Amino acid sequence: TYIDTPWEEDDLRDRPELRLEMFNAFESALKKHNRPYILLKGDKKTRFDAAVKRIDEILKSKTNLQSFSDNLADLDLHFLHQQNNDFNIPQ
């Protein structure tokens, strides 16, 4: 999701001042590793509606569904996390 909503602290989120840098780093890594994604922007309803629409599109296309599920199965967050150079996140 894009950073156009107010930042909310939780156990996974920190460094609100680095939101744009973090977003750019994750998006760059997804592009570099040719991973599928959609960018959700707007308020919660707009984001939800866009996500549901895209999921419906994927479910309607068996080819896309297989490709999407294959890519999800291949996506290893541990691998991405280990690629510090991909993220360029300040320590």
N, C-alpha and C. Protein backbone atom coordinates (compact mmCIF):
# COMPACT_ATOMS: atom_id res chain seq x y z
N THR A 1 0.84 -1.18 0.00
CA THR A 1 0.00 0.00 0.00
C THR A 1 0.88 1.24 0.00
N TYR A 2 0.35 2.29 -0.58
CA TYR A 2 1.09 3.53 -0.66
C TYR A 2 1.02 4.25 0.70
N ILE A 3 1.80 5.28 0.85
CA ILE A 3 1.93 5.97 2.14
C ILE A 3 1.00 7.17 2.27
N ASP A 4 -0.14 7.12 1.56
CA ASP A 4 -1.04 8.26 1.57
C ASP A 4 -2.11 8.20 2.66
N THR A 5 -1.93 7.32 3.63
CA THR A 5 -2.81 7.29 4.79
C THR A 5 -1.97 7.59 6.03
N PRO A 6 -2.60 8.03 7.10
CA PRO A 6 -1.84 8.33 8.31
C PRO A 6 -1.08 7.11 8.82
N TRP A 7 0.13 7.35 9.31
CA TRP A 7 0.96 6.28 9.86
C TRP A 7 0.37 5.83 11.19
N GLU A 8 0.33 4.50 11.38
CA GLU A 8 -0.15 3.93 12.64
C GLU A 8 0.93 2.99 13.18
N GLU A 9 1.31 3.21 14.40
CA GLU A 9 2.32 2.35 15.02
C GLU A 9 1.72 1.00 15.38
N ASP A 10 2.51 -0.04 15.15
CA ASP A 10 2.16 -1.38 15.63
C ASP A 10 3.47 -2.15 15.81
N ASP A 11 3.37 -3.45 16.07
CA ASP A 11 4.58 -4.25 16.34
C ASP A 11 5.48 -4.40 15.12
N LEU A 12 4.95 -4.18 13.92
CA LEU A 12 5.74 -4.35 12.70
C LEU A 12 6.23 -3.03 12.11
N ARG A 13 5.58 -1.95 12.44
CA ARG A 13 5.93 -0.66 11.84
C ARG A 13 6.76 0.17 12.81
N ASP A 14 7.80 0.76 12.25
CA ASP A 14 8.59 1.71 13.02
C ASP A 14 9.14 2.75 12.04
N ARG A 15 9.82 3.71 12.54
CA ARG A 15 10.46 4.75 11.73
C ARG A 15 9.49 5.47 10.78
N PRO A 16 8.50 6.14 11.30
CA PRO A 16 7.54 6.82 10.41
C PRO A 16 8.19 7.85 9.49
N GLU A 17 9.33 8.38 9.90
CA GLU A 17 10.02 9.37 9.08
C GLU A 17 10.64 8.75 7.83
N LEU A 18 10.70 7.42 7.78
CA LEU A 18 11.30 6.73 6.63
C LEU A 18 10.26 6.05 5.74
N ARG A 19 8.99 6.43 5.88
CA ARG A 19 7.93 5.76 5.13
C ARG A 19 8.18 5.74 3.62
N LEU A 20 8.51 6.89 3.06
CA LEU A 20 8.71 6.94 1.61
C LEU A 20 9.93 6.12 1.20
N GLU A 21 11.01 6.23 1.96
CA GLU A 21 12.21 5.44 1.65
C GLU A 21 11.90 3.94 1.72
N MET A 22 11.17 3.53 2.74
CA MET A 22 10.83 2.11 2.89
C MET A 22 9.93 1.66 1.73
N PHE A 23 8.93 2.47 1.41
CA PHE A 23 8.04 2.13 0.30
C PHE A 23 8.85 1.96 -0.99
N ASN A 24 9.71 2.93 -1.27
CA ASN A 24 10.52 2.88 -2.50
C ASN A 24 11.44 1.66 -2.51
N ALA A 25 12.01 1.32 -1.35
CA ALA A 25 12.90 0.16 -1.27
C ALA A 25 12.15 -1.13 -1.55
N PHE A 26 10.98 -1.30 -0.95
CA PHE A 26 10.20 -2.51 -1.17
C PHE A 26 9.71 -2.59 -2.62
N GLU A 27 9.25 -1.47 -3.16
CA GLU A 27 8.78 -1.48 -4.55
C GLU A 27 9.94 -1.80 -5.50
N SER A 28 11.10 -1.24 -5.25
CA SER A 28 12.27 -1.53 -6.09
C SER A 28 12.64 -3.01 -6.04
N ALA A 29 12.58 -3.61 -4.85
CA ALA A 29 12.90 -5.03 -4.72
C ALA A 29 11.88 -5.89 -5.47
N LEU A 30 10.61 -5.54 -5.38
CA LEU A 30 9.59 -6.29 -6.11
C LEU A 30 9.83 -6.21 -7.61
N LYS A 31 10.15 -5.02 -8.09
CA LYS A 31 10.43 -4.85 -9.52
C LYS A 31 11.69 -5.60 -9.94
N LYS A 32 12.73 -5.48 -9.14
CA LYS A 32 14.00 -6.14 -9.46
C LYS A 32 13.83 -7.65 -9.57
N HIS A 33 13.02 -8.22 -8.70
CA HIS A 33 12.81 -9.66 -8.68
C HIS A 33 11.58 -10.08 -9.48
N ASN A 34 11.05 -9.12 -10.26
CA ASN A 34 9.93 -9.38 -11.17
C ASN A 34 8.74 -10.03 -10.45
N ARG A 35 8.38 -9.48 -9.31
CA ARG A 35 7.26 -9.99 -8.52
C ARG A 35 5.99 -9.20 -8.82
N PRO A 36 4.86 -9.88 -8.93
CA PRO A 36 3.61 -9.16 -9.20
C PRO A 36 3.15 -8.40 -7.97
N TYR A 37 2.59 -7.24 -8.21
CA TYR A 37 2.01 -6.47 -7.12
C TYR A 37 1.06 -5.43 -7.71
N ILE A 38 0.17 -4.94 -6.87
CA ILE A 38 -0.63 -3.79 -7.26
C ILE A 38 -0.42 -2.74 -6.18
N LEU A 39 -0.51 -1.50 -6.59
CA LEU A 39 -0.32 -0.40 -5.66
C LEU A 39 -1.69 0.09 -5.22
N LEU A 40 -1.96 -0.04 -3.93
CA LEU A 40 -3.23 0.40 -3.38
C LEU A 40 -3.05 1.79 -2.80
N LYS A 41 -3.89 2.72 -3.27
CA LYS A 41 -3.84 4.11 -2.80
C LYS A 41 -5.23 4.55 -2.39
N GLY A 42 -5.27 5.63 -1.60
CA GLY A 42 -6.55 6.21 -1.21
C GLY A 42 -6.97 5.80 0.18
N ASP A 43 -8.22 6.11 0.49
CA ASP A 43 -8.73 5.75 1.81
C ASP A 43 -8.96 4.24 1.89
N LYS A 44 -9.33 3.76 3.07
CA LYS A 44 -9.46 2.32 3.28
C LYS A 44 -10.47 1.68 2.33
N LYS A 45 -11.60 2.34 2.10
CA LYS A 45 -12.61 1.79 1.19
C LYS A 45 -12.09 1.71 -0.23
N THR A 46 -11.42 2.75 -0.68
CA THR A 46 -10.86 2.76 -2.04
C THR A 46 -9.83 1.65 -2.20
N ARG A 47 -8.98 1.49 -1.20
CA ARG A 47 -7.97 0.42 -1.24
C ARG A 47 -8.62 -0.95 -1.25
N PHE A 48 -9.60 -1.14 -0.38
CA PHE A 48 -10.29 -2.42 -0.30
C PHE A 48 -10.96 -2.74 -1.63
N ASP A 49 -11.68 -1.78 -2.19
CA ASP A 49 -12.38 -1.99 -3.45
C ASP A 49 -11.40 -2.34 -4.58
N ALA A 50 -10.27 -1.66 -4.62
CA ALA A 50 -9.26 -1.94 -5.66
C ALA A 50 -8.68 -3.34 -5.49
N ALA A 51 -8.44 -3.74 -4.25
CA ALA A 51 -7.90 -5.08 -3.98
C ALA A 51 -8.91 -6.15 -4.39
N VAL A 52 -10.16 -5.97 -4.02
CA VAL A 52 -11.20 -6.94 -4.38
C VAL A 52 -11.34 -7.03 -5.90
N LYS A 53 -11.31 -5.89 -6.57
CA LYS A 53 -11.42 -5.88 -8.03
C LYS A 53 -10.29 -6.68 -8.66
N ARG A 54 -9.08 -6.47 -8.20
CA ARG A 54 -7.92 -7.19 -8.77
C ARG A 54 -7.99 -8.68 -8.46
N ILE A 55 -8.39 -9.03 -7.26
CA ILE A 55 -8.54 -10.45 -6.91
C ILE A 55 -9.58 -11.10 -7.80
N ASP A 56 -10.71 -10.42 -8.01
CA ASP A 56 -11.75 -10.94 -8.91
C ASP A 56 -11.20 -11.16 -10.32
N GLU A 57 -10.41 -10.20 -10.81
CA GLU A 57 -9.82 -10.33 -12.15
C GLU A 57 -8.91 -11.56 -12.22
N ILE A 58 -8.13 -11.77 -11.18
CA ILE A 58 -7.22 -12.92 -11.15
C ILE A 58 -8.01 -14.22 -11.12
N LEU A 59 -9.05 -14.27 -10.29
CA LEU A 59 -9.85 -15.48 -10.16
C LEU A 59 -10.58 -15.83 -11.45
N LYS A 60 -10.93 -14.82 -12.25
CA LYS A 60 -11.66 -15.06 -13.50
C LYS A 60 -10.75 -15.61 -14.59
N SER A 61 -9.47 -15.47 -14.43
CA SER A 61 -8.53 -15.93 -15.45
C SER A 61 -7.67 -17.06 -14.88
N LYS A 62 -7.93 -18.28 -15.32
CA LYS A 62 -7.19 -19.42 -14.81
C LYS A 62 -5.69 -19.26 -15.05
N THR A 63 -5.32 -18.74 -16.22
CA THR A 63 -3.90 -18.54 -16.53
C THR A 63 -3.28 -17.57 -15.54
N ASN A 64 -3.95 -16.45 -15.32
CA ASN A 64 -3.44 -15.46 -14.37
C ASN A 64 -3.40 -16.03 -12.97
N LEU A 65 -4.40 -16.81 -12.60
CA LEU A 65 -4.44 -17.39 -11.26
C LEU A 65 -3.25 -18.32 -11.05
N GLN A 66 -2.96 -19.17 -12.04
CA GLN A 66 -1.82 -20.07 -11.90
C GLN A 66 -0.52 -19.29 -11.80
N SER A 67 -0.36 -18.29 -12.65
CA SER A 67 0.84 -17.46 -12.63
C SER A 67 0.96 -16.72 -11.31
N PHE A 68 -0.16 -16.17 -10.84
CA PHE A 68 -0.16 -15.43 -9.58
C PHE A 68 0.19 -16.34 -8.42
N SER A 69 -0.42 -17.53 -8.37
CA SER A 69 -0.14 -18.44 -7.26
C SER A 69 1.29 -18.96 -7.33
N ASP A 70 1.81 -19.20 -8.54
CA ASP A 70 3.20 -19.62 -8.66
C ASP A 70 4.14 -18.54 -8.13
N ASN A 71 3.85 -17.30 -8.47
CA ASN A 71 4.68 -16.20 -7.99
C ASN A 71 4.58 -16.05 -6.48
N LEU A 72 3.39 -16.23 -5.93
CA LEU A 72 3.24 -16.15 -4.48
C LEU A 72 4.02 -17.27 -3.80
N ALA A 73 3.95 -18.46 -4.38
CA ALA A 73 4.67 -19.58 -3.79
C ALA A 73 6.18 -19.34 -3.82
N ASP A 74 6.64 -18.66 -4.85
CA ASP A 74 8.06 -18.38 -4.98
C ASP A 74 8.52 -17.23 -4.09
N LEU A 75 7.59 -16.39 -3.70
CA LEU A 75 7.96 -15.22 -2.92
C LEU A 75 8.39 -15.65 -1.52
N ASP A 76 9.59 -15.37 -1.19
CA ASP A 76 10.15 -15.75 0.10
C ASP A 76 10.60 -14.48 0.80
N LEU A 77 9.81 -14.02 1.76
CA LEU A 77 10.14 -12.78 2.44
C LEU A 77 11.47 -12.86 3.16
N HIS A 78 11.81 -14.05 3.63
CA HIS A 78 13.12 -14.21 4.27
C HIS A 78 14.23 -13.90 3.27
N PHE A 79 14.08 -14.40 2.05
CA PHE A 79 15.06 -14.12 1.01
C PHE A 79 15.15 -12.62 0.75
N LEU A 80 13.99 -11.98 0.60
CA LEU A 80 14.00 -10.54 0.34
C LEU A 80 14.62 -9.79 1.51
N HIS A 81 14.31 -10.22 2.71
CA HIS A 81 14.87 -9.57 3.90
C HIS A 81 16.39 -9.68 3.92
N GLN A 82 16.90 -10.80 3.45
CA GLN A 82 18.35 -11.02 3.46
C GLN A 82 19.07 -10.18 2.40
N GLN A 83 18.33 -9.66 1.45
CA GLN A 83 18.93 -8.90 0.36
C GLN A 83 19.03 -7.43 0.75
N ASN A 84 19.83 -7.13 1.76
CA ASN A 84 19.94 -5.76 2.27
C ASN A 84 20.31 -4.77 1.19
N ASN A 85 21.11 -5.18 0.24
CA ASN A 85 21.49 -4.26 -0.83
C ASN A 85 20.30 -3.88 -1.70
N ASP A 86 19.31 -4.77 -1.79
CA ASP A 86 18.12 -4.45 -2.57
C ASP A 86 17.31 -3.34 -1.92
N PHE A 87 17.33 -3.30 -0.60
CA PHE A 87 16.48 -2.37 0.12
C PHE A 87 17.15 -1.05 0.44
N ASN A 88 18.45 -1.07 0.67
CA ASN A 88 19.17 0.15 1.05
C ASN A 88 18.49 0.87 2.21
N ILE A 89 18.12 0.11 3.21
CA ILE A 89 17.44 0.66 4.38
C ILE A 89 18.48 1.03 5.43
N PRO A 90 18.44 2.25 5.93
CA PRO A 90 19.40 2.64 6.97
C PRO A 90 19.25 1.75 8.19
N GLN A 91 20.36 1.34 8.75
CA GLN A 91 20.34 0.47 9.94
C GLN A 91 20.23 1.30 11.20
